[in-house]
C-alpha atoms as a PDB file:
ATOM      1  CA  UNK A   1     -75.212   2.051 -49.709  1.00  0.00           C
ATOM      2  CA  UNK A   2     -74.554   1.136 -53.397  1.00  0.00           C
ATOM      3  CA  UNK A   3     -73.126  -2.107 -54.621  1.00  0.00           C
ATOM      4  CA  UNK A   4     -69.670  -0.685 -55.163  1.00  0.00           C
ATOM      5  CA  UNK A   5     -69.422   0.560 -51.524  1.00  0.00           C
ATOM      6  CA  UNK A   6     -70.533  -2.827 -50.213  1.00  0.00           C
ATOM      7  CA  UNK A   7     -67.892  -4.546 -52.367  1.00  0.00           C
ATOM      8  CA  UNK A   8     -65.188  -2.028 -51.240  1.00  0.00           C
ATOM      9  CA  UNK A   9     -66.080  -2.602 -47.543  1.00  0.00           C
ATOM     10  CA  UNK A  10     -65.992  -6.366 -47.997  1.00  0.00           C
ATOM     11  CA  UNK A  11     -62.605  -6.160 -49.801  1.00  0.00           C
ATOM     12  CA  UNK A  12     -61.066  -3.922 -47.111  1.00  0.00           C
ATOM     13  CA  UNK A  13     -62.394  -6.273 -44.402  1.00  0.00           C
ATOM     14  CA  UNK A  14     -60.625  -9.181 -46.120  1.00  0.00           C
ATOM     15  CA  UNK A  15     -57.424  -7.466 -47.321  1.00  0.00           C
ATOM     16  CA  UNK A  16     -56.441  -5.687 -44.075  1.00  0.00           C
ATOM     17  CA  UNK A  17     -56.616  -8.779 -41.817  1.00  0.00           C
ATOM     18  CA  UNK A  18     -54.767 -10.806 -44.484  1.00  0.00           C
ATOM     19  CA  UNK A  19     -51.981  -8.214 -44.679  1.00  0.00           C
ATOM     20  CA  UNK A  20     -51.720  -8.070 -40.867  1.00  0.00           C
ATOM     21  CA  UNK A  21     -51.650 -11.882 -40.677  1.00  0.00           C
ATOM     22  CA  UNK A  22     -48.917 -12.029 -43.349  1.00  0.00           C
ATOM     23  CA  UNK A  23     -46.889  -9.425 -41.542  1.00  0.00           C
ATOM     24  CA  UNK A  24     -47.141 -11.256 -38.212  1.00  0.00           C
ATOM     25  CA  UNK A  25     -46.178 -14.577 -39.845  1.00  0.00           C
ATOM     26  CA  UNK A  26     -43.190 -12.946 -41.501  1.00  0.00           C
ATOM     27  CA  UNK A  27     -41.942 -11.520 -38.166  1.00  0.00           C
ATOM     28  CA  UNK A  28     -42.463 -14.797 -36.364  1.00  0.00           C
ATOM     29  CA  UNK A  29     -40.593 -16.742 -39.059  1.00  0.00           C
ATOM     30  CA  UNK A  30     -37.748 -14.213 -38.965  1.00  0.00           C
ATOM     31  CA  UNK A  31     -37.493 -14.376 -35.160  1.00  0.00           C
ATOM     32  CA  UNK A  32     -37.527 -18.184 -35.169  1.00  0.00           C
ATOM     33  CA  UNK A  33     -34.761 -18.287 -37.854  1.00  0.00           C
ATOM     34  CA  UNK A  34     -32.590 -15.909 -35.791  1.00  0.00           C
ATOM     35  CA  UNK A  35     -33.294 -17.900 -32.610  1.00  0.00           C
ATOM     36  CA  UNK A  36     -32.277 -21.185 -34.326  1.00  0.00           C
ATOM     37  CA  UNK A  37     -29.068 -19.656 -35.597  1.00  0.00           C
ATOM     38  CA  UNK A  38     -28.299 -18.259 -32.160  1.00  0.00           C
ATOM     39  CA  UNK A  39     -28.881 -21.646 -30.496  1.00  0.00           C
ATOM     40  CA  UNK A  40     -26.794 -23.524 -33.006  1.00  0.00           C
ATOM     41  CA  UNK A  41     -23.679 -21.390 -33.284  1.00  0.00           C
ATOM     42  CA  UNK A  42     -23.540 -18.098 -31.360  1.00  0.00           C
ATOM     43  CA  UNK A  43     -24.713 -19.215 -27.906  1.00  0.00           C
ATOM     44  CA  UNK A  44     -22.224 -22.148 -27.944  1.00  0.00           C
ATOM     45  CA  UNK A  45     -19.310 -19.848 -28.796  1.00  0.00           C
ATOM     46  CA  UNK A  46     -20.273 -17.262 -26.200  1.00  0.00           C
ATOM     47  CA  UNK A  47     -20.925 -19.816 -23.493  1.00  0.00           C
ATOM     48  CA  UNK A  48     -17.709 -21.774 -23.944  1.00  0.00           C
ATOM     49  CA  UNK A  49     -15.296 -18.952 -24.767  1.00  0.00           C
ATOM     50  CA  UNK A  50     -16.691 -16.062 -22.679  1.00  0.00           C
ATOM     51  CA  UNK A  51     -19.110 -16.726 -19.885  1.00  0.00           C
ATOM     52  CA  UNK A  52     -17.544 -19.938 -18.468  1.00  0.00           C
ATOM     53  CA  UNK A  53     -14.253 -18.038 -18.058  1.00  0.00           C
ATOM     54  CA  UNK A  54     -15.873 -15.348 -15.953  1.00  0.00           C
ATOM     55  CA  UNK A  55     -18.338 -17.554 -14.097  1.00  0.00           C
ATOM     56  CA  UNK A  56     -16.557 -17.274 -10.738  1.00  0.00           C
ATOM     57  CA  UNK A  57     -15.223 -13.791 -11.177  1.00  0.00           C
ATOM     58  CA  UNK A  58     -16.995 -10.970 -13.017  1.00  0.00           C
ATOM     59  CA  UNK A  59     -20.355 -12.706 -13.189  1.00  0.00           C
ATOM     60  CA  UNK A  60     -20.788 -12.737  -9.392  1.00  0.00           C
ATOM     61  CA  UNK A  61     -19.630  -9.113  -9.106  1.00  0.00           C
ATOM     62  CA  UNK A  62     -22.275  -7.630 -11.372  1.00  0.00           C
ATOM     63  CA  UNK A  63     -24.571  -4.871 -10.078  1.00  0.00           C
ATOM     64  CA  UNK A  64     -22.403  -4.301  -6.987  1.00  0.00           C
ATOM     65  CA  UNK A  65     -21.497  -0.809  -5.761  1.00  0.00           C
ATOM     66  CA  UNK A  66     -17.953   0.250  -6.782  1.00  0.00           C
ATOM     67  CA  UNK A  67     -15.920   1.548  -3.884  1.00  0.00           C
ATOM     68  CA  UNK A  68     -12.313   2.632  -3.157  1.00  0.00           C
ATOM     69  CA  UNK A  69     -12.114   0.552   0.014  1.00  0.00           C
ATOM     70  CA  UNK A  70      -9.731  -2.416   0.019  1.00  0.00           C
ATOM     71  CA  UNK A  71     -12.183  -4.288   2.198  1.00  0.00           C
ATOM     72  CA  UNK A  72     -15.509  -3.936   0.404  1.00  0.00           C
ATOM     73  CA  UNK A  73     -18.823  -5.216   1.796  1.00  0.00           C
ATOM     74  CA  UNK A  74     -20.544  -8.240   0.283  1.00  0.00           C
ATOM     75  CA  UNK A  75     -22.532  -6.079  -2.166  1.00  0.00           C
ATOM     76  CA  UNK A  76     -19.479  -3.853  -3.054  1.00  0.00           C
ATOM     77  CA  UNK A  77     -16.461  -4.287  -5.312  1.00  0.00           C
ATOM     78  CA  UNK A  78     -13.131  -2.525  -5.184  1.00  0.00           C
ATOM     79  CA  UNK A  79     -12.527  -0.338  -8.266  1.00  0.00           C
ATOM     80  CA  UNK A  80      -9.067  -1.851  -8.994  1.00  0.00           C
ATOM     81  CA  UNK A  81     -10.510  -5.357  -8.844  1.00  0.00           C
ATOM     82  CA  UNK A  82     -13.256  -4.367 -11.259  1.00  0.00           C
ATOM     83  CA  UNK A  83     -10.824  -2.562 -13.534  1.00  0.00           C
ATOM     84  CA  UNK A  84      -8.691  -5.754 -13.839  1.00  0.00           C
ATOM     85  CA  UNK A  85     -11.739  -7.916 -14.573  1.00  0.00           C
ATOM     86  CA  UNK A  86     -13.137  -5.591 -17.221  1.00  0.00           C
ATOM     87  CA  UNK A  87      -9.748  -5.182 -18.868  1.00  0.00           C
ATOM     88  CA  UNK A  88      -9.386  -8.948 -19.015  1.00  0.00           C
ATOM     89  CA  UNK A  89     -12.875  -9.242 -20.557  1.00  0.00           C
ATOM     90  CA  UNK A  90     -12.128  -6.454 -23.099  1.00  0.00           C
ATOM     91  CA  UNK A  91      -8.831  -8.080 -24.147  1.00  0.00           C
ATOM     92  CA  UNK A  92     -10.487 -11.470 -24.564  1.00  0.00           C
ATOM     93  CA  UNK A  93     -13.198 -10.060 -26.795  1.00  0.00           C
ATOM     94  CA  UNK A  94     -10.772  -8.108 -29.015  1.00  0.00           C
ATOM     95  CA  UNK A  95      -8.374 -11.017 -29.382  1.00  0.00           C
ATOM     96  CA  UNK A  96     -11.100 -13.228 -30.791  1.00  0.00           C
ATOM     97  CA  UNK A  97     -12.647 -11.729 -33.942  1.00  0.00           C
ATOM     98  CA  UNK A  98     -15.469 -14.266 -34.001  1.00  0.00           C
ATOM     99  CA  UNK A  99     -16.349 -13.501 -30.406  1.00  0.00           C
ATOM    100  CA  UNK A 100     -16.219  -9.775 -31.121  1.00  0.00           C
ATOM    101  CA  UNK A 101     -18.625 -10.153 -34.059  1.00  0.00           C
ATOM    102  CA  UNK A 102     -21.173 -12.134 -32.072  1.00  0.00           C
ATOM    103  CA  UNK A 103     -21.454  -9.627 -29.229  1.00  0.00           C
ATOM    104  CA  UNK A 104     -23.871  -6.751 -29.828  1.00  0.00           C
ATOM    105  CA  UNK A 105     -22.722  -3.161 -30.019  1.00  0.00           C
ATOM    106  CA  UNK A 106     -24.769  -2.153 -26.957  1.00  0.00           C
ATOM    107  CA  UNK A 107     -22.756  -4.539 -24.804  1.00  0.00           C
ATOM    108  CA  UNK A 108     -19.398  -3.378 -26.275  1.00  0.00           C
ATOM    109  CA  UNK A 109     -20.325   0.272 -25.903  1.00  0.00           C
ATOM    110  CA  UNK A 110     -21.191   0.056 -22.229  1.00  0.00           C
ATOM    111  CA  UNK A 111     -18.167  -2.130 -21.492  1.00  0.00           C
ATOM    112  CA  UNK A 112     -15.931   0.512 -23.043  1.00  0.00           C
ATOM    113  CA  UNK A 113     -17.854   3.287 -21.293  1.00  0.00           C
ATOM    114  CA  UNK A 114     -17.335   1.695 -17.916  1.00  0.00           C
ATOM    115  CA  UNK A 115     -13.635   1.093 -18.491  1.00  0.00           C
ATOM    116  CA  UNK A 116     -13.203   4.742 -19.474  1.00  0.00           C
ATOM    117  CA  UNK A 117     -15.042   5.796 -16.266  1.00  0.00           C
ATOM    118  CA  UNK A 118     -12.601   3.715 -14.215  1.00  0.00           C
ATOM    119  CA  UNK A 119      -9.717   5.721 -15.686  1.00  0.00           C
ATOM    120  CA  UNK A 120     -11.017   9.080 -14.521  1.00  0.00           C
ATOM    121  CA  UNK A 121     -10.276  10.912 -11.330  1.00  0.00           C
ATOM    122  CA  UNK A 122     -12.507   9.059  -8.889  1.00  0.00           C
ATOM    123  CA  UNK A 123     -13.971  11.946  -6.969  1.00  0.00           C
ATOM    124  CA  UNK A 124     -17.469  11.842  -5.564  1.00  0.00           C
ATOM    125  CA  UNK A 125     -19.129  13.036  -8.797  1.00  0.00           C
ATOM    126  CA  UNK A 126     -17.181  10.639 -11.038  1.00  0.00           C
ATOM    127  CA  UNK A 127     -17.792   7.720  -8.666  1.00  0.00           C
ATOM    128  CA  UNK A 128     -21.524   8.331  -9.099  1.00  0.00           C
ATOM    129  CA  UNK A 129     -21.182   8.343 -12.862  1.00  0.00           C
ATOM    130  CA  UNK A 130     -18.992   5.216 -12.754  1.00  0.00           C
ATOM    131  CA  UNK A 131     -21.522   3.329 -10.669  1.00  0.00           C
ATOM    132  CA  UNK A 132     -24.323   4.391 -12.975  1.00  0.00           C
ATOM    133  CA  UNK A 133     -22.349   3.176 -16.001  1.00  0.00           C
ATOM    134  CA  UNK A 134     -21.494  -0.095 -14.294  1.00  0.00           C
ATOM    135  CA  UNK A 135     -25.182  -0.783 -13.470  1.00  0.00           C
ATOM    136  CA  UNK A 136     -26.028  -0.390 -17.174  1.00  0.00           C
ATOM    137  CA  UNK A 137     -23.145  -2.663 -18.198  1.00  0.00           C
ATOM    138  CA  UNK A 138     -24.158  -5.225 -15.565  1.00  0.00           C
ATOM    139  CA  UNK A 139     -27.644  -5.289 -17.064  1.00  0.00           C
ATOM    140  CA  UNK A 140     -26.137  -5.856 -20.593  1.00  0.00           C
ATOM    141  CA  UNK A 141     -23.960  -8.696 -19.305  1.00  0.00           C
ATOM    142  CA  UNK A 142     -26.686 -10.380 -17.281  1.00  0.00           C
ATOM    143  CA  UNK A 143     -29.230 -10.129 -20.141  1.00  0.00           C
ATOM    144  CA  UNK A 144     -26.767 -11.624 -22.661  1.00  0.00           C
ATOM    145  CA  UNK A 145     -25.761 -14.302 -20.125  1.00  0.00           C
ATOM    146  CA  UNK A 146     -29.370 -15.443 -19.702  1.00  0.00           C
ATOM    147  CA  UNK A 147     -29.959 -15.341 -23.476  1.00  0.00           C
ATOM    148  CA  UNK A 148     -26.923 -17.599 -23.993  1.00  0.00           C
ATOM    149  CA  UNK A 149     -28.076 -19.960 -21.187  1.00  0.00           C
ATOM    150  CA  UNK A 150     -31.445 -20.280 -22.851  1.00  0.00           C
ATOM    151  CA  UNK A 151     -29.716 -20.999 -26.107  1.00  0.00           C
ATOM    152  CA  UNK A 152     -27.839 -23.789 -24.347  1.00  0.00           C
ATOM    153  CA  UNK A 153     -31.078 -25.040 -22.760  1.00  0.00           C
ATOM    154  CA  UNK A 154     -29.862 -24.069 -19.330  1.00  0.00           C
ATOM    155  CA  UNK A 155     -32.147 -22.320 -16.843  1.00  0.00           C
ATOM    156  CA  UNK A 156     -31.500 -18.570 -16.795  1.00  0.00           C
ATOM    157  CA  UNK A 157     -30.053 -16.883 -13.688  1.00  0.00           C
ATOM    158  CA  UNK A 158     -32.743 -15.385 -11.442  1.00  0.00           C
ATOM    159  CA  UNK A 159     -33.224 -12.797  -8.784  1.00  0.00           C
ATOM    160  CA  UNK A 160     -32.470 -15.476  -6.203  1.00  0.00           C
ATOM    161  CA  UNK A 161     -29.016 -15.962  -7.833  1.00  0.00           C
ATOM    162  CA  UNK A 162     -28.383 -12.261  -7.501  1.00  0.00           C
ATOM    163  CA  UNK A 163     -29.419 -12.328  -3.839  1.00  0.00           C
ATOM    164  CA  UNK A 164     -27.218 -15.377  -3.187  1.00  0.00           C
ATOM    165  CA  UNK A 165     -24.157 -13.468  -4.412  1.00  0.00           C
ATOM    166  CA  UNK A 166     -25.289  -9.996  -3.123  1.00  0.00           C
ATOM    167  CA  UNK A 167     -25.353  -8.762  -6.725  1.00  0.00           C
ATOM    168  CA  UNK A 168     -27.008  -5.405  -6.078  1.00  0.00           C
ATOM    169  CA  UNK A 169     -26.224  -1.976  -4.780  1.00  0.00           C
ATOM    170  CA  UNK A 170     -29.119  -1.751  -2.307  1.00  0.00           C
ATOM    171  CA  UNK A 171     -28.483  -1.428   1.456  1.00  0.00           C
ATOM    172  CA  UNK A 172     -29.530  -5.038   2.073  1.00  0.00           C
ATOM    173  CA  UNK A 173     -31.033  -8.069   0.378  1.00  0.00           C
ATOM    174  CA  UNK A 174     -34.515  -7.353   1.759  1.00  0.00           C
ATOM    175  CA  UNK A 175     -34.651  -3.908   0.198  1.00  0.00           C
ATOM    176  CA  UNK A 176     -33.347  -5.266  -3.094  1.00  0.00           C
ATOM    177  CA  UNK A 177     -36.045  -7.997  -3.149  1.00  0.00           C
ATOM    178  CA  UNK A 178     -38.726  -5.459  -2.345  1.00  0.00           C
ATOM    179  CA  UNK A 179     -37.577  -3.327  -5.274  1.00  0.00           C
ATOM    180  CA  UNK A 180     -37.712  -6.362  -7.587  1.00  0.00           C
ATOM    181  CA  UNK A 181     -41.254  -7.206  -6.446  1.00  0.00           C
ATOM    182  CA  UNK A 182     -42.608  -3.720  -6.817  1.00  0.00           C
ATOM    183  CA  UNK A 183     -41.235  -2.998 -10.339  1.00  0.00           C
ATOM    184  CA  UNK A 184     -43.327  -5.619 -12.219  1.00  0.00           C
ATOM    185  CA  UNK A 185     -46.457  -4.393 -10.435  1.00  0.00           C
ATOM    186  CA  UNK A 186     -45.820  -0.810 -11.557  1.00  0.00           C
ATOM    187  CA  UNK A 187     -45.151  -1.895 -15.110  1.00  0.00           C
ATOM    188  CA  UNK A 188     -48.353  -3.952 -15.118  1.00  0.00           C
ATOM    189  CA  UNK A 189     -50.395  -1.002 -13.876  1.00  0.00           C
ATOM    190  CA  UNK A 190     -48.854   1.275 -16.524  1.00  0.00           C
ATOM    191  CA  UNK A 191     -49.532  -1.315 -19.253  1.00  0.00           C
ATOM    192  CA  UNK A 192     -53.190  -1.694 -18.254  1.00  0.00           C
ATOM    193  CA  UNK A 193     -53.697   2.087 -18.078  1.00  0.00           C
ATOM    194  CA  UNK A 194     -52.014   2.704 -21.446  1.00  0.00           C
ATOM    195  CA  UNK A 195     -54.079  -0.131 -23.037  1.00  0.00           C
ATOM    196  CA  UNK A 196     -57.318   1.323 -21.697  1.00  0.00           C
ATOM    197  CA  UNK A 197     -56.430   4.742 -23.056  1.00  0.00           C
ATOM    198  CA  UNK A 198     -54.766   3.804 -26.341  1.00  0.00           C
ATOM    199  CA  UNK A 199     -56.991   0.884 -27.506  1.00  0.00           C
ATOM    200  CA  UNK A 200     -60.098   3.041 -28.251  1.00  0.00           C
ATOM    201  CA  UNK A 201     -57.876   5.571 -30.064  1.00  0.00           C
ATOM    202  CA  UNK A 202     -56.317   2.744 -32.134  1.00  0.00           C
ATOM    203  CA  UNK A 203     -59.741   1.346 -33.069  1.00  0.00           C
ATOM    204  CA  UNK A 204     -60.950   4.872 -34.011  1.00  0.00           C
ATOM    205  CA  UNK A 205     -57.797   5.423 -36.107  1.00  0.00           C
ATOM    206  CA  UNK A 206     -58.320   2.131 -37.975  1.00  0.00           C
ATOM    207  CA  UNK A 207     -62.008   3.068 -38.562  1.00  0.00           C
ATOM    208  CA  UNK A 208     -61.092   6.503 -39.906  1.00  0.00           C
ATOM    209  CA  UNK A 209     -58.326   5.082 -42.113  1.00  0.00           C
ATOM    210  CA  UNK A 210     -60.708   2.452 -43.516  1.00  0.00           C
ATOM    211  CA  UNK A 211     -63.331   5.122 -44.255  1.00  0.00           C
ATOM    212  CA  UNK A 212     -60.757   7.311 -45.983  1.00  0.00           C
ATOM    213  CA  UNK A 213     -59.535   4.375 -48.064  1.00  0.00           C
ATOM    214  CA  UNK A 214     -63.057   3.463 -49.185  1.00  0.00           C
ATOM    215  CA  UNK A 215     -63.706   7.142 -50.043  1.00  0.00           C
ATOM    216  CA  UNK A 216     -60.529   7.223 -52.079  1.00  0.00           C
ATOM    217  CA  UNK A 217     -61.449   4.017 -53.901  1.00  0.00           C
ATOM    218  CA  UNK A 218     -64.877   5.439 -54.619  1.00  0.00           C
ATOM    219  CA  UNK A 219     -63.385   8.594 -56.093  1.00  0.00           C
ATOM    220  CA  UNK A 220     -61.093   6.618 -58.378  1.00  0.00           C
ATOM    221  CA  UNK A 221     -64.069   4.479 -59.417  1.00  0.00           C
ATOM    222  CA  UNK A 222     -66.126   7.619 -60.227  1.00  0.00           C
ATOM    223  CA  UNK A 223     -63.303   9.100 -62.296  1.00  0.00           C
ATOM    224  CA  UNK A 224     -62.750   5.801 -64.102  1.00  0.00           C
ATOM    225  CA  UNK A 225     -66.534   5.411 -64.755  1.00  0.00           C
ATOM    226  CA  UNK A 226     -66.890   8.961 -66.143  1.00  0.00           C
ATOM    227  CA  UNK A 227     -64.193   8.247 -68.756  1.00  0.00           C
ATOM    228  CA  UNK A 228     -65.882   5.158 -70.060  1.00  0.00           C
END
């Protein structure tokens, strides 16, 4: 190994970690800046003007199964009741331009999608689609709610809160809790398996890329040296 190759290897070994470190620092600083802005302004607006108004209504009806029955079970909600709640939410958001700008497009899209589903002919097929859309919207609402609560330094709502208010479409609370316990385990197993498989490939890819970079630098050095 000649002196140039040694120097190139040393340079690559210093430059690549430095670039990675700079990139990570930039991302962390950007995330922290966004988080500070959210805590200072956005979360206060959303908490005071949106979530507190639906605390005892829509919030406790999330994730429930939509039914036509006028006497729904504890984990069900009548479609007319839901339609009124979502229409009220939609009107509130569109009346307040600041509120509208603070809410992400994903939330707005699934709110609108669920409202549209409520206006269709509610046959068996459409009820299935409606319930699917409402589960997605419920997830959007619950996620944003907890993000706002964190921004206000309030403890996020948990699985226990959902169980307390029967906020699920499972047959019973026990089955819902079992589902919640099993999902993290499955995700952990998949993460470990993917890490075991992908990590060696990533290391090999970095090694090949470093070797190719050194080879390219060596070629440029040879061309430059031949013209001197």
